[in-house]
Amino acid sequence: MIAEEIIERIASKTGKSIQEVVSEINKKQEKLGNILSFEVVALIYAKECGVKISDLMEKVEKKLYEVL
């Protein structure tokens, strides 16, 4: 799953636990009004943490189009 891959990268880069990362992403999602998917918010958070995400952008984009 794409979200799990993003979460693992964030945890690895930041030294936070998986649970901490998920909690931070959920908080950010709420702060943004819950209008973005979890994966999109996870990408935003990953970028803020300095995680390389360019290879994941296409995967997330494809998933978004599947939903639409």
C-alpha atoms as a PDB file:
ATOM      1  CA  MET A   1       0.000   0.000   0.000  1.00  0.00           C
ATOM      2  CA  ILE A   2       1.266   3.457  -0.880  1.00  0.00           C
ATOM      3  CA  ALA A   3       0.398   5.043   2.464  1.00  0.00           C
ATOM      4  CA  GLU A   4       2.411   2.416   4.334  1.00  0.00           C
ATOM      5  CA  GLU A   5       5.439   3.072   2.158  1.00  0.00           C
ATOM      6  CA  ILE A   6       5.212   6.810   2.788  1.00  0.00           C
ATOM      7  CA  ILE A   7       4.768   6.269   6.534  1.00  0.00           C
ATOM      8  CA  GLU A   8       7.767   3.937   6.683  1.00  0.00           C
ATOM      9  CA  ARG A   9       9.952   6.467   4.877  1.00  0.00           C
ATOM     10  CA  ILE A  10       8.893   9.243   7.241  1.00  0.00           C
ATOM     11  CA  ALA A  11       9.522   7.073  10.294  1.00  0.00           C
ATOM     12  CA  SER A  12      12.933   6.080   8.979  1.00  0.00           C
ATOM     13  CA  LYS A  13      13.940   9.671   8.215  1.00  0.00           C
ATOM     14  CA  THR A  14      12.597  11.214  11.430  1.00  0.00           C
ATOM     15  CA  GLY A  15      13.197   8.415  13.924  1.00  0.00           C
ATOM     16  CA  LYS A  16       9.525   8.550  14.941  1.00  0.00           C
ATOM     17  CA  SER A  17       7.457   5.424  15.447  1.00  0.00           C
ATOM     18  CA  ILE A  18       4.878   4.352  12.878  1.00  0.00           C
ATOM     19  CA  GLN A  19       2.134   5.313  15.340  1.00  0.00           C
ATOM     20  CA  GLU A  20       3.603   8.788  15.843  1.00  0.00           C
ATOM     21  CA  VAL A  21       3.821   9.349  12.099  1.00  0.00           C
ATOM     22  CA  VAL A  22       0.229   8.224  11.519  1.00  0.00           C
ATOM     23  CA  SER A  23      -0.921  10.481  14.355  1.00  0.00           C
ATOM     24  CA  GLU A  24       0.903  13.469  12.857  1.00  0.00           C
ATOM     25  CA  ILE A  25      -0.587  12.794   9.428  1.00  0.00           C
ATOM     26  CA  ASN A  26      -4.080  12.493  10.931  1.00  0.00           C
ATOM     27  CA  LYS A  27      -3.618  15.794  12.788  1.00  0.00           C
ATOM     28  CA  LYS A  28      -2.481  17.504   9.595  1.00  0.00           C
ATOM     29  CA  GLN A  29      -5.418  16.020   7.700  1.00  0.00           C
ATOM     30  CA  GLU A  30      -7.846  17.417  10.273  1.00  0.00           C
ATOM     31  CA  LYS A  31      -6.090  20.791  10.200  1.00  0.00           C
ATOM     32  CA  LEU A  32      -6.569  20.861   6.420  1.00  0.00           C
ATOM     33  CA  GLY A  33     -10.297  20.260   6.853  1.00  0.00           C
ATOM     34  CA  ASN A  34     -10.304  16.562   5.905  1.00  0.00           C
ATOM     35  CA  ILE A  35     -10.643  17.462   2.237  1.00  0.00           C
ATOM     36  CA  LEU A  36      -7.475  15.675   1.102  1.00  0.00           C
ATOM     37  CA  SER A  37      -6.913  11.937   1.059  1.00  0.00           C
ATOM     38  CA  PHE A  38      -4.645  10.368   3.654  1.00  0.00           C
ATOM     39  CA  GLU A  39      -2.040   9.611   0.974  1.00  0.00           C
ATOM     40  CA  VAL A  40      -1.915  13.214  -0.228  1.00  0.00           C
ATOM     41  CA  VAL A  41      -1.542  14.529   3.313  1.00  0.00           C
ATOM     42  CA  ALA A  42       1.118  11.901   3.979  1.00  0.00           C
ATOM     43  CA  LEU A  43       3.054  13.172   0.949  1.00  0.00           C
ATOM     44  CA  ILE A  44       2.783  16.743   2.210  1.00  0.00           C
ATOM     45  CA  TYR A  45       4.018  15.700   5.644  1.00  0.00           C
ATOM     46  CA  ALA A  46       6.814  13.622   4.121  1.00  0.00           C
ATOM     47  CA  LYS A  47       7.984  16.597   2.079  1.00  0.00           C
ATOM     48  CA  GLU A  48       7.957  18.762   5.212  1.00  0.00           C
ATOM     49  CA  CYS A  49      10.129  16.134   6.925  1.00  0.00           C
ATOM     50  CA  GLY A  50      12.645  16.163   4.084  1.00  0.00           C
ATOM     51  CA  VAL A  51      11.705  12.739   2.733  1.00  0.00           C
ATOM     52  CA  LYS A  52      12.308  12.079  -0.966  1.00  0.00           C
ATOM     53  CA  ILE A  53       8.858  11.496  -2.470  1.00  0.00           C
ATOM     54  CA  SER A  54       9.233  12.113  -6.195  1.00  0.00           C
ATOM     55  CA  ASP A  55       9.020   8.395  -7.012  1.00  0.00           C
ATOM     56  CA  LEU A  56       5.742   8.108  -5.091  1.00  0.00           C
ATOM     57  CA  MET A  57       3.926  11.023  -6.702  1.00  0.00           C
ATOM     58  CA  GLU A  58       2.819   9.018  -9.740  1.00  0.00           C
ATOM     59  CA  LYS A  59       1.549   6.144  -7.589  1.00  0.00           C
ATOM     60  CA  VAL A  60      -0.557   8.494  -5.491  1.00  0.00           C
ATOM     61  CA  GLU A  61      -1.827  10.293  -8.573  1.00  0.00           C
ATOM     62  CA  LYS A  62      -2.949   6.993 -10.120  1.00  0.00           C
ATOM     63  CA  LYS A  63      -4.746   6.039  -6.915  1.00  0.00           C
ATOM     64  CA  LEU A  64      -6.553   9.378  -6.850  1.00  0.00           C
ATOM     65  CA  TYR A  65      -7.772   8.894 -10.411  1.00  0.00           C
ATOM     66  CA  GLU A  66      -9.047   5.417  -9.493  1.00  0.00           C
ATOM     67  CA  VAL A  67     -11.209   7.000  -6.795  1.00  0.00           C
ATOM     68  CA  LEU A  68     -12.566   9.634  -9.149  1.00  0.00           C
END
